Amino acid sequence: MSEGLSGVFSIPDELELLEFFCADPVERSVEDGYWCYEVTDRRGVRLRLSFNLFERSVQTALQVMDSPLITVSHEGAESMTVAGQTMTCRFSYKGSDARLVLRLGDSIQLDWSSLRKE
């Protein structure tokens, strides 16, 4: 696992990410802690997922053909894990926890959720 400067945002190593996305990053700046991956499913839905270790942020953008559908960004990332065809990212920030679950296969499935904590 790699960790950011604060030791808080842990991510899979580059080989695990290569195996998960079945592709090299489309953009990468190791010195800036930035990686970006793109995948397209059989329906033509394209996902662009980027993250920054030092900013502890993750962004997802979905589009069909050249039409953007939605972009979601979150800061406060704590961990990113990969198990088979599923990636899970956990976030924590003042008063809330959030989670991203990304499943890749025949189609891209992307679920963002957040809960307020007392």
Protein backbone atom coordinates (compact mmCIF):
# COMPACT_ATOMS: atom_id res chain seq x y z
CA MET A 1 0.00 0.00 0.00
CA SER A 2 1.07 3.57 -0.65
CA GLU A 3 0.29 6.34 1.76
CA GLY A 4 0.01 10.09 1.43
CA LEU A 5 2.15 12.55 3.37
CA SER A 6 -0.32 12.58 6.23
CA GLY A 7 -0.29 8.77 6.34
CA VAL A 8 -4.07 8.79 6.05
CA PHE A 9 -5.03 7.95 2.44
CA SER A 10 -3.93 4.41 1.58
CA ILE A 11 -4.30 3.08 -1.96
CA PRO A 12 -3.58 -0.20 -3.78
CA ASP A 13 -0.19 -0.46 -5.48
CA GLU A 14 0.08 0.35 -9.18
CA LEU A 15 -0.01 -3.30 -10.24
CA GLU A 16 -3.33 -3.83 -8.42
CA LEU A 17 -4.75 -0.72 -10.09
CA LEU A 18 -3.49 -1.90 -13.50
CA GLU A 19 -5.21 -5.26 -12.97
CA PHE A 20 -8.43 -3.62 -11.77
CA PHE A 21 -8.74 -1.11 -14.64
CA CYS A 22 -7.08 -3.40 -17.23
CA ALA A 23 -5.20 -0.30 -18.39
CA ASP A 24 -2.40 2.04 -17.46
CA PRO A 25 -3.35 5.46 -16.10
CA VAL A 26 -4.24 7.99 -18.80
CA GLU A 27 -2.59 10.67 -16.65
CA ARG A 28 -0.12 10.30 -13.80
CA SER A 29 2.13 12.57 -11.80
CA VAL A 30 3.75 10.54 -9.03
CA GLU A 31 5.51 13.58 -7.56
CA ASP A 32 2.14 15.36 -7.26
CA GLY A 33 0.37 12.23 -5.95
CA TYR A 34 -2.08 12.23 -8.89
CA TRP A 35 -3.41 9.30 -10.95
CA CYS A 36 -6.26 9.16 -13.48
CA TYR A 37 -7.80 6.09 -15.12
CA GLU A 38 -10.45 5.75 -17.84
CA VAL A 39 -12.59 2.74 -18.71
CA THR A 40 -15.49 2.29 -21.13
CA ASP A 41 -18.07 -0.46 -20.78
CA ARG A 42 -19.82 -2.40 -23.56
CA ARG A 43 -22.70 0.15 -23.60
CA GLY A 44 -20.34 3.04 -24.33
CA VAL A 45 -20.47 4.51 -20.80
CA ARG A 46 -17.09 6.00 -19.97
CA LEU A 47 -15.80 6.44 -16.44
CA ARG A 48 -12.90 8.70 -15.58
CA LEU A 49 -11.65 8.14 -12.02
CA SER A 50 -8.88 10.29 -10.63
CA PHE A 51 -7.37 10.64 -7.19
CA ASN A 52 -4.78 12.72 -5.40
CA LEU A 53 -2.90 11.22 -2.47
CA PHE A 54 -1.77 14.50 -0.99
CA GLU A 55 -5.13 16.26 -1.28
CA ARG A 56 -6.89 13.05 -0.14
CA SER A 57 -9.45 13.47 -2.94
CA VAL A 58 -11.23 11.21 -5.44
CA GLN A 59 -13.25 12.31 -8.47
CA THR A 60 -15.47 10.29 -10.79
CA ALA A 61 -16.91 11.52 -14.08
CA LEU A 62 -19.37 9.52 -16.20
CA GLN A 63 -20.19 10.25 -19.81
CA VAL A 64 -21.92 8.60 -22.76
CA MET A 65 -20.22 9.26 -26.08
CA ASP A 66 -19.17 12.90 -25.71
CA SER A 67 -22.02 13.84 -23.37
CA PRO A 68 -21.08 14.34 -19.71
CA LEU A 69 -23.62 12.81 -17.29
CA ILE A 70 -22.30 13.47 -13.78
CA THR A 71 -19.14 14.34 -11.90
CA VAL A 72 -18.73 13.64 -8.19
CA SER A 73 -15.75 14.72 -6.09
CA HIS A 74 -14.98 14.03 -2.46
CA GLU A 75 -12.17 15.02 -0.15
CA GLY A 76 -11.23 13.37 3.12
CA ALA A 77 -10.29 10.05 1.49
CA GLU A 78 -8.93 7.51 3.96
CA SER A 79 -8.64 4.28 1.99
CA MET A 80 -9.06 2.75 -1.44
CA THR A 81 -9.20 -1.04 -1.68
CA VAL A 82 -9.68 -3.49 -4.54
CA ALA A 83 -11.24 -6.95 -4.25
CA GLY A 84 -11.85 -8.69 -7.57
CA GLN A 85 -13.95 -6.40 -9.78
CA THR A 86 -14.91 -4.06 -6.91
CA MET A 87 -13.13 -0.95 -5.68
CA THR A 88 -14.20 0.66 -2.41
CA CYS A 89 -13.11 4.11 -1.27
CA ARG A 90 -13.85 5.38 2.23
CA PHE A 91 -13.98 9.04 3.23
CA SER A 92 -14.30 10.77 6.58
CA TYR A 93 -14.68 14.45 7.28
CA LYS A 94 -16.22 16.59 9.98
CA GLY A 95 -19.65 15.19 10.78
CA SER A 96 -19.90 12.72 7.88
CA ASP A 97 -18.61 9.50 6.38
CA ALA A 98 -18.86 8.71 2.68
CA ARG A 99 -18.20 5.69 0.52
CA LEU A 100 -17.66 5.00 -3.16
CA VAL A 101 -18.20 1.50 -4.51
CA LEU A 102 -17.15 0.93 -8.12
CA ARG A 103 -17.80 -2.37 -9.89
CA LEU A 104 -16.32 -3.09 -13.29
CA GLY A 105 -17.43 -5.89 -15.59
CA ASP A 106 -19.81 -5.91 -18.53
CA SER A 107 -21.13 -2.58 -17.25
CA ILE A 108 -19.83 0.13 -14.95
CA GLN A 109 -21.67 0.36 -11.63
CA LEU A 110 -20.87 3.39 -9.51
CA ASP A 111 -22.42 4.02 -6.08
CA TRP A 112 -21.66 7.07 -3.96
CA SER A 113 -23.21 7.35 -0.50
CA SER A 114 -22.70 9.48 2.58
CA LEU A 115 -24.02 9.43 6.11
CA ARG A 116 -23.99 12.10 8.72
CA LYS A 117 -22.51 10.95 12.00
CA GLU A 118 -23.44 12.36 15.36
